[in-house]
Amino acid sequence: MSINNVLSIDERDLISCTCSDTVLFASTNERASSIMEFKLLPTIELIGEWKHPLTCDKDETICDIVYNNGNLALMIMNLSEES
């Protein structure tokens, strides 16, 4: 296994990530969070992005994501509700 330099994602604050054998998923740290999908081989490349309203509502943020057996699980926090 080797570690290589990876592209920098300017102006994107990432909060959580998870991966399958071939894909890395990363969520953005913002209201109405996005999920970015990166192909890992042969080089790391952005291949897709899911945005609001597919990921969460405009007043929500994705706190954590987990990939397991073909499924993505999202932990979402509502930022407008006081707890």
PDB file of N, CA and C in Angstrom:
ATOM      1  N   MET A   1       0.841  -1.170   0.000  1.00  0.00           N
ATOM      2  CA  MET A   1       0.000   0.000   0.000  1.00  0.00           C
ATOM      3  C   MET A   1       0.889   1.237   0.000  1.00  0.00           C
ATOM      4  N   SER A   2       0.467   2.248  -0.746  1.00  0.00           N
ATOM      5  CA  SER A   2       1.224   3.493  -0.776  1.00  0.00           C
ATOM      6  C   SER A   2       0.290   4.670  -0.543  1.00  0.00           C
ATOM      7  N   ILE A   3       0.859   5.747  -0.066  1.00  0.00           N
ATOM      8  CA  ILE A   3       0.098   6.967   0.169  1.00  0.00           C
ATOM      9  C   ILE A   3       0.605   8.014  -0.807  1.00  0.00           C
ATOM     10  N   ASN A   4      -0.312   8.573  -1.579  1.00  0.00           N
ATOM     11  CA  ASN A   4       0.036   9.595  -2.558  1.00  0.00           C
ATOM     12  C   ASN A   4      -0.638  10.906  -2.195  1.00  0.00           C
ATOM     13  N   ASN A   5      -0.106  12.003  -2.736  1.00  0.00           N
ATOM     14  CA  ASN A   5      -0.775  13.293  -2.567  1.00  0.00           C
ATOM     15  C   ASN A   5      -2.118  13.251  -3.270  1.00  0.00           C
ATOM     16  N   VAL A   6      -3.091  13.893  -2.661  1.00  0.00           N
ATOM     17  CA  VAL A   6      -4.443  13.912  -3.202  1.00  0.00           C
ATOM     18  C   VAL A   6      -4.805  15.353  -3.516  1.00  0.00           C
ATOM     19  N   LEU A   7      -5.684  15.536  -4.499  1.00  0.00           N
ATOM     20  CA  LEU A   7      -6.094  16.879  -4.846  1.00  0.00           C
ATOM     21  C   LEU A   7      -6.721  17.595  -3.660  1.00  0.00           C
ATOM     22  N   SER A   8      -6.538  18.879  -3.622  1.00  0.00           N
ATOM     23  CA  SER A   8      -7.128  19.709  -2.574  1.00  0.00           C
ATOM     24  C   SER A   8      -8.474  20.218  -3.069  1.00  0.00           C
ATOM     25  N   ILE A   9      -9.446  20.210  -2.189  1.00  0.00           N
ATOM     26  CA  ILE A   9     -10.770  20.697  -2.548  1.00  0.00           C
ATOM     27  C   ILE A   9     -10.908  22.096  -1.964  1.00  0.00           C
ATOM     28  N   ASP A  10     -10.617  23.100  -2.770  1.00  0.00           N
ATOM     29  CA  ASP A  10     -10.665  24.486  -2.310  1.00  0.00           C
ATOM     30  C   ASP A  10     -12.093  24.890  -1.983  1.00  0.00           C
ATOM     31  N   GLU A  11     -12.209  25.694  -0.937  1.00  0.00           N
ATOM     32  CA  GLU A  11     -13.477  26.284  -0.530  1.00  0.00           C
ATOM     33  C   GLU A  11     -14.531  25.251  -0.132  1.00  0.00           C
ATOM     34  N   ARG A  12     -14.140  24.034   0.195  1.00  0.00           N
ATOM     35  CA  ARG A  12     -15.079  23.022   0.669  1.00  0.00           C
ATOM     36  C   ARG A  12     -14.577  22.527   2.013  1.00  0.00           C
ATOM     37  N   ASP A  13     -15.414  22.624   3.039  1.00  0.00           N
ATOM     38  CA  ASP A  13     -15.088  22.154   4.374  1.00  0.00           C
ATOM     39  C   ASP A  13     -15.762  20.799   4.557  1.00  0.00           C
ATOM     40  N   LEU A  14     -14.972  19.733   4.614  1.00  0.00           N
ATOM     41  CA  LEU A  14     -15.518  18.382   4.741  1.00  0.00           C
ATOM     42  C   LEU A  14     -15.561  17.978   6.204  1.00  0.00           C
ATOM     43  N   ILE A  15     -16.635  17.291   6.605  1.00  0.00           N
ATOM     44  CA  ILE A  15     -16.801  16.927   8.011  1.00  0.00           C
ATOM     45  C   ILE A  15     -16.711  15.427   8.248  1.00  0.00           C
ATOM     46  N   SER A  16     -17.120  14.618   7.282  1.00  0.00           N
ATOM     47  CA  SER A  16     -17.144  13.172   7.491  1.00  0.00           C
ATOM     48  C   SER A  16     -16.915  12.463   6.166  1.00  0.00           C
ATOM     49  N   CYS A  17     -16.366  11.251   6.247  1.00  0.00           N
ATOM     50  CA  CYS A  17     -16.187  10.462   5.030  1.00  0.00           C
ATOM     51  C   CYS A  17     -16.294   8.979   5.345  1.00  0.00           C
ATOM     52  N   THR A  18     -16.521   8.208   4.303  1.00  0.00           N
ATOM     53  CA  THR A  18     -16.600   6.756   4.394  1.00  0.00           C
ATOM     54  C   THR A  18     -16.257   6.215   3.015  1.00  0.00           C
ATOM     55  N   CYS A  19     -15.975   4.919   2.908  1.00  0.00           N
ATOM     56  CA  CYS A  19     -15.635   4.394   1.590  1.00  0.00           C
ATOM     57  C   CYS A  19     -16.076   2.954   1.413  1.00  0.00           C
ATOM     58  N   SER A  20     -16.205   2.582   0.146  1.00  0.00           N
ATOM     59  CA  SER A  20     -16.380   1.192  -0.253  1.00  0.00           C
ATOM     60  C   SER A  20     -15.016   0.732  -0.760  1.00  0.00           C
ATOM     61  N   ASP A  21     -14.972  -0.371  -1.469  1.00  0.00           N
ATOM     62  CA  ASP A  21     -13.706  -0.837  -2.035  1.00  0.00           C
ATOM     63  C   ASP A  21     -13.222   0.057  -3.177  1.00  0.00           C
ATOM     64  N   THR A  22     -14.147   0.775  -3.819  1.00  0.00           N
ATOM     65  CA  THR A  22     -13.796   1.535  -5.014  1.00  0.00           C
ATOM     66  C   THR A  22     -14.127   3.021  -4.952  1.00  0.00           C
ATOM     67  N   VAL A  23     -14.909   3.445  -3.956  1.00  0.00           N
ATOM     68  CA  VAL A  23     -15.419   4.819  -3.921  1.00  0.00           C
ATOM     69  C   VAL A  23     -15.254   5.419  -2.528  1.00  0.00           C
ATOM     70  N   LEU A  24     -14.908   6.716  -2.479  1.00  0.00           N
ATOM     71  CA  LEU A  24     -14.875   7.493  -1.239  1.00  0.00           C
ATOM     72  C   LEU A  24     -16.045   8.471  -1.271  1.00  0.00           C
ATOM     73  N   PHE A  25     -16.810   8.528  -0.184  1.00  0.00           N
ATOM     74  CA  PHE A  25     -17.899   9.487  -0.030  1.00  0.00           C
ATOM     75  C   PHE A  25     -17.490  10.477   1.055  1.00  0.00           C
ATOM     76  N   ALA A  26     -17.650  11.780   0.800  1.00  0.00           N
ATOM     77  CA  ALA A  26     -17.313  12.814   1.782  1.00  0.00           C
ATOM     78  C   ALA A  26     -18.467  13.799   1.876  1.00  0.00           C
ATOM     79  N   SER A  27     -18.829  14.174   3.111  1.00  0.00           N
ATOM     80  CA  SER A  27     -19.922  15.135   3.300  1.00  0.00           C
ATOM     81  C   SER A  27     -19.355  16.498   3.678  1.00  0.00           C
ATOM     82  N   THR A  28     -20.037  17.545   3.226  1.00  0.00           N
ATOM     83  CA  THR A  28     -19.597  18.912   3.485  1.00  0.00           C
ATOM     84  C   THR A  28     -20.162  19.425   4.804  1.00  0.00           C
ATOM     85  N   ASN A  29     -19.402  20.287   5.457  1.00  0.00           N
ATOM     86  CA  ASN A  29     -19.769  20.847   6.755  1.00  0.00           C
ATOM     87  C   ASN A  29     -20.435  22.200   6.540  1.00  0.00           C
ATOM     88  N   GLU A  30     -21.728  22.161   6.225  1.00  0.00           N
ATOM     89  CA  GLU A  30     -22.482  23.380   5.945  1.00  0.00           C
ATOM     90  C   GLU A  30     -23.970  23.081   6.036  1.00  0.00           C
ATOM     91  N   ARG A  31     -24.788  24.131   6.114  1.00  0.00           N
ATOM     92  CA  ARG A  31     -26.236  23.936   6.014  1.00  0.00           C
ATOM     93  C   ARG A  31     -26.542  23.355   4.642  1.00  0.00           C
ATOM     94  N   ALA A  32     -27.552  22.495   4.565  1.00  0.00           N
ATOM     95  CA  ALA A  32     -27.908  21.826   3.307  1.00  0.00           C
ATOM     96  C   ALA A  32     -26.681  21.100   2.737  1.00  0.00           C
ATOM     97  N   SER A  33     -26.078  20.256   3.553  1.00  0.00           N
ATOM     98  CA  SER A  33     -24.841  19.543   3.206  1.00  0.00           C
ATOM     99  C   SER A  33     -24.947  18.778   1.891  1.00  0.00           C
ATOM    100  N   SER A  34     -23.821  18.652   1.229  1.00  0.00           N
ATOM    101  CA  SER A  34     -23.685  17.842   0.021  1.00  0.00           C
ATOM    102  C   SER A  34     -22.886  16.585   0.346  1.00  0.00           C
ATOM    103  N   ILE A  35     -23.015  15.578  -0.508  1.00  0.00           N
ATOM    104  CA  ILE A  35     -22.164  14.392  -0.442  1.00  0.00           C
ATOM    105  C   ILE A  35     -21.409  14.309  -1.760  1.00  0.00           C
ATOM    106  N   MET A  36     -20.085  14.276  -1.667  1.00  0.00           N
ATOM    107  CA  MET A  36     -19.234  14.176  -2.845  1.00  0.00           C
ATOM    108  C   MET A  36     -18.763  12.730  -2.991  1.00  0.00           C
ATOM    109  N   GLU A  37     -18.759  12.227  -4.227  1.00  0.00           N
ATOM    110  CA  GLU A  37     -18.352  10.844  -4.504  1.00  0.00           C
ATOM    111  C   GLU A  37     -17.077  10.857  -5.347  1.00  0.00           C
ATOM    112  N   PHE A  38     -16.048  10.173  -4.853  1.00  0.00           N
ATOM    113  CA  PHE A  38     -14.763  10.103  -5.541  1.00  0.00           C
ATOM    114  C   PHE A  38     -14.443   8.662  -5.921  1.00  0.00           C
ATOM    115  N   LYS A  39     -14.070   8.445  -7.170  1.00  0.00           N
ATOM    116  CA  LYS A  39     -13.549   7.157  -7.623  1.00  0.00           C
ATOM    117  C   LYS A  39     -12.124   7.049  -7.101  1.00  0.00           C
ATOM    118  N   LEU A  40     -11.740   5.884  -6.574  1.00  0.00           N
ATOM    119  CA  LEU A  40     -10.417   5.731  -5.969  1.00  0.00           C
ATOM    120  C   LEU A  40      -9.349   5.218  -6.932  1.00  0.00           C
ATOM    121  N   LEU A  41      -9.718   4.424  -7.906  1.00  0.00           N
ATOM    122  CA  LEU A  41      -8.729   3.813  -8.795  1.00  0.00           C
ATOM    123  C   LEU A  41      -9.065   4.077 -10.253  1.00  0.00           C
ATOM    124  N   PRO A  42      -8.111   4.243 -11.119  1.00  0.00           N
ATOM    125  CA  PRO A  42      -6.669   4.198 -10.893  1.00  0.00           C
ATOM    126  C   PRO A  42      -6.142   5.479 -10.252  1.00  0.00           C
ATOM    127  N   THR A  43      -6.890   6.587 -10.368  1.00  0.00           N
ATOM    128  CA  THR A  43      -6.539   7.816  -9.659  1.00  0.00           C
ATOM    129  C   THR A  43      -7.798   8.354  -8.990  1.00  0.00           C
ATOM    130  N   ILE A  44      -7.616   9.155  -7.955  1.00  0.00           N
ATOM    131  CA  ILE A  44      -8.765   9.722  -7.254  1.00  0.00           C
ATOM    132  C   ILE A  44      -9.380  10.816  -8.117  1.00  0.00           C
ATOM    133  N   GLU A  45     -10.696  10.693  -8.350  1.00  0.00           N
ATOM    134  CA  GLU A  45     -11.391  11.622  -9.236  1.00  0.00           C
ATOM    135  C   GLU A  45     -12.815  11.837  -8.733  1.00  0.00           C
ATOM    136  N   LEU A  46     -13.252  13.096  -8.689  1.00  0.00           N
ATOM    137  CA  LEU A  46     -14.632  13.409  -8.325  1.00  0.00           C
ATOM    138  C   LEU A  46     -15.547  12.929  -9.443  1.00  0.00           C
ATOM    139  N   ILE A  47     -16.507  12.052  -9.105  1.00  0.00           N
ATOM    140  CA  ILE A  47     -17.401  11.516 -10.133  1.00  0.00           C
ATOM    141  C   ILE A  47     -18.861  11.880  -9.908  1.00  0.00           C
ATOM    142  N   GLY A  48     -19.181  12.449  -8.752  1.00  0.00           N
ATOM    143  CA  GLY A  48     -20.567  12.832  -8.518  1.00  0.00           C
ATOM    144  C   GLY A  48     -20.730  13.639  -7.252  1.00  0.00           C
ATOM    145  N   GLU A  49     -21.864  14.337  -7.181  1.00  0.00           N
ATOM    146  CA  GLU A  49     -22.182  15.093  -5.972  1.00  0.00           C
ATOM    147  C   GLU A  49     -23.693  15.149  -5.827  1.00  0.00           C
ATOM    148  N   TRP A  50     -24.162  14.837  -4.626  1.00  0.00           N
ATOM    149  CA  TRP A  50     -25.582  14.949  -4.295  1.00  0.00           C
ATOM    150  C   TRP A  50     -25.748  16.174  -3.418  1.00  0.00           C
ATOM    151  N   LYS A  51     -26.740  16.999  -3.745  1.00  0.00           N
ATOM    152  CA  LYS A  51     -26.961  18.247  -3.014  1.00  0.00           C
ATOM    153  C   LYS A  51     -28.370  18.282  -2.442  1.00  0.00           C
ATOM    154  N   HIS A  52     -28.624  19.298  -1.607  1.00  0.00           N
ATOM    155  CA  HIS A  52     -29.954  19.590  -1.086  1.00  0.00           C
ATOM    156  C   HIS A  52     -30.902  19.709  -2.270  1.00  0.00           C
ATOM    157  N   PRO A  53     -32.075  19.173  -2.277  1.00  0.00           N
ATOM    158  CA  PRO A  53     -32.817  18.527  -1.198  1.00  0.00           C
ATOM    159  C   PRO A  53     -32.670  17.006  -1.148  1.00  0.00           C
ATOM    160  N   LEU A  54     -31.790  16.421  -1.970  1.00  0.00           N
ATOM    161  CA  LEU A  54     -31.610  14.961  -1.935  1.00  0.00           C
ATOM    162  C   LEU A  54     -30.914  14.488  -0.670  1.00  0.00           C
ATOM    163  N   THR A  55     -30.017  15.293  -0.137  1.00  0.00           N
ATOM    164  CA  THR A  55     -29.229  14.865   1.020  1.00  0.00           C
ATOM    165  C   THR A  55     -29.889  15.202   2.346  1.00  0.00           C
ATOM    166  N   CYS A  56     -30.399  16.415   2.462  1.00  0.00           N
ATOM    167  CA  CYS A  56     -31.053  16.878   3.690  1.00  0.00           C
ATOM    168  C   CYS A  56     -31.771  18.184   3.384  1.00  0.00           C
ATOM    169  N   ASP A  57     -32.547  18.684   4.348  1.00  0.00           N
ATOM    170  CA  ASP A  57     -33.254  19.953   4.171  1.00  0.00           C
ATOM    171  C   ASP A  57     -32.291  21.131   4.292  1.00  0.00           C
ATOM    172  N   LYS A  58     -32.756  22.314   3.894  1.00  0.00           N
ATOM    173  CA  LYS A  58     -31.891  23.503   3.894  1.00  0.00           C
ATOM    174  C   LYS A  58     -31.458  23.939   5.287  1.00  0.00           C
ATOM    175  N   ASP A  59     -32.211  23.539   6.324  1.00  0.00           N
ATOM    176  CA  ASP A  59     -31.845  23.900   7.697  1.00  0.00           C
ATOM    177  C   ASP A  59     -31.227  22.722   8.454  1.00  0.00           C
ATOM    178  N   GLU A  60     -30.680  21.755   7.710  1.00  0.00           N
ATOM    179  CA  GLU A  60     -30.048  20.578   8.311  1.00  0.00           C
ATOM    180  C   GLU A  60     -28.611  20.445   7.822  1.00  0.00           C
ATOM    181  N   THR A  61     -27.832  19.665   8.558  1.00  0.00           N
ATOM    182  CA  THR A  61     -26.464  19.361   8.160  1.00  0.00           C
ATOM    183  C   THR A  61     -26.193  17.880   8.399  1.00  0.00           C
ATOM    184  N   ILE A  62     -25.334  17.293   7.583  1.00  0.00           N
ATOM    185  CA  ILE A  62     -24.936  15.897   7.762  1.00  0.00           C
ATOM    186  C   ILE A  62     -23.787  15.871   8.763  1.00  0.00           C
ATOM    187  N   CYS A  63     -23.981  15.171   9.876  1.00  0.00           N
ATOM    188  CA  CYS A  63     -22.950  15.080  10.921  1.00  0.00           C
ATOM    189  C   CYS A  63     -21.996  13.921  10.680  1.00  0.00           C
ATOM    190  N   ASP A  64     -22.514  12.830  10.105  1.00  0.00           N
ATOM    191  CA  ASP A  64     -21.692  11.632   9.915  1.00  0.00           C
ATOM    192  C   ASP A  64     -22.291  10.795   8.799  1.00  0.00           C
ATOM    193  N   ILE A  65     -21.445  10.067   8.073  1.00  0.00           N
ATOM    194  CA  ILE A  65     -21.925   9.128   7.061  1.00  0.00           C
ATOM    195  C   ILE A  65     -21.164   7.819   7.209  1.00  0.00           C
ATOM    196  N   VAL A  66     -21.853   6.714   6.894  1.00  0.00           N
ATOM    197  CA  VAL A  66     -21.253   5.380   6.977  1.00  0.00           C
ATOM    198  C   VAL A  66     -21.707   4.576   5.767  1.00  0.00           C
ATOM    199  N   TYR A  67     -20.778   3.871   5.134  1.00  0.00           N
ATOM    200  CA  TYR A  67     -21.090   2.975   4.022  1.00  0.00           C
ATOM    201  C   TYR A  67     -21.017   1.543   4.528  1.00  0.00           C
ATOM    202  N   ASN A  68     -22.021   0.729   4.185  1.00  0.00           N
ATOM    203  CA  ASN A  68     -22.001  -0.687   4.551  1.00  0.00           C
ATOM    204  C   ASN A  68     -22.854  -1.471   3.568  1.00  0.00           C
ATOM    205  N   ASN A  69     -22.248  -2.441   2.916  1.00  0.00           N
ATOM    206  CA  ASN A  69     -22.971  -3.391   2.076  1.00  0.00           C
ATOM    207  C   ASN A  69     -23.857  -2.703   1.031  1.00  0.00           C
ATOM    208  N   GLY A  70     -23.320  -1.692   0.360  1.00  0.00           N
ATOM    209  CA  GLY A  70     -24.054  -1.020  -0.704  1.00  0.00           C
ATOM    210  C   GLY A  70     -24.985   0.090  -0.252  1.00  0.00           C
ATOM    211  N   ASN A  71     -25.002   0.394   1.037  1.00  0.00           N
ATOM    212  CA  ASN A  71     -25.894   1.429   1.569  1.00  0.00           C
ATOM    213  C   ASN A  71     -25.102   2.547   2.244  1.00  0.00           C
ATOM    214  N   LEU A  72     -25.597   3.777   2.109  1.00  0.00           N
ATOM    215  CA  LEU A  72     -25.052   4.921   2.844  1.00  0.00           C
ATOM    216  C   LEU A  72     -26.033   5.278   3.948  1.00  0.00           C
ATOM    217  N   ALA A  73     -25.541   5.375   5.176  1.00  0.00           N
ATOM    218  CA  ALA A  73     -26.357   5.825   6.302  1.00  0.00           C
ATOM    219  C   ALA A  73     -25.898   7.230   6.675  1.00  0.00           C
ATOM    220  N   LEU A  74     -26.851   8.131   6.887  1.00  0.00           N
ATOM    221  CA  LEU A  74     -26.540   9.519   7.216  1.00  0.00           C
ATOM    222  C   LEU A  74     -27.073   9.864   8.592  1.00  0.00           C
ATOM    223  N   MET A  75     -26.255  10.530   9.413  1.00  0.00           N
ATOM    224  CA  MET A  75     -26.740  11.117  10.651  1.00  0.00           C
ATOM    225  C   MET A  75     -26.896  12.610  10.369  1.00  0.00           C
ATOM    226  N   ILE A  76     -28.141  13.086  10.471  1.00  0.00           N
ATOM    227  CA  ILE A  76     -28.475  14.455  10.097  1.00  0.00           C
ATOM    228  C   ILE A  76     -28.948  15.225  11.323  1.00  0.00           C
ATOM    229  N   MET A  77     -28.475  16.465  11.467  1.00  0.00           N
ATOM    230  CA  MET A  77     -28.883  17.318  12.579  1.00  0.00           C
ATOM    231  C   MET A  77     -29.661  18.513  12.032  1.00  0.00           C
ATOM    232  N   ASN A  78     -30.809  18.788  12.657  1.00  0.00           N
ATOM    233  CA  ASN A  78     -31.604  19.956  12.312  1.00  0.00           C
ATOM    234  C   ASN A  78     -31.035  21.149  13.069  1.00  0.00           C
ATOM    235  N   LEU A  79     -30.598  22.163  12.353  1.00  0.00           N
ATOM    236  CA  LEU A  79     -29.940  23.317  12.962  1.00  0.00           C
ATOM    237  C   LEU A  79     -30.920  24.365  13.478  1.00  0.00           C
ATOM    238  N   SER A  80     -32.184  24.263  13.111  1.00  0.00           N
ATOM    239  CA  SER A  80     -33.154  25.262  13.556  1.00  0.00           C
ATOM    240  C   SER A  80     -33.859  24.868  14.843  1.00  0.00           C
ATOM    241  N   GLU A  81     -33.751  23.602  15.244  1.00  0.00           N
ATOM    242  CA  GLU A  81     -34.401  23.138  16.464  1.00  0.00           C
ATOM    243  C   GLU A  81     -33.431  23.216  17.632  1.00  0.00           C
ATOM    244  N   GLU A  82     -33.904  23.723  18.747  1.00  0.00           N
ATOM    245  CA  GLU A  82     -33.081  23.749  19.953  1.00  0.00           C
ATOM    246  C   GLU A  82     -33.255  22.439  20.687  1.00  0.00           C
ATOM    247  N   SER A  83     -32.152  21.895  21.211  1.00  0.00           N
ATOM    248  CA  SER A  83     -32.255  20.631  21.946  1.00  0.00           C
ATOM    249  C   SER A  83     -31.813  20.789  23.377  1.00  0.00           C
TER     250      SER A  83
END
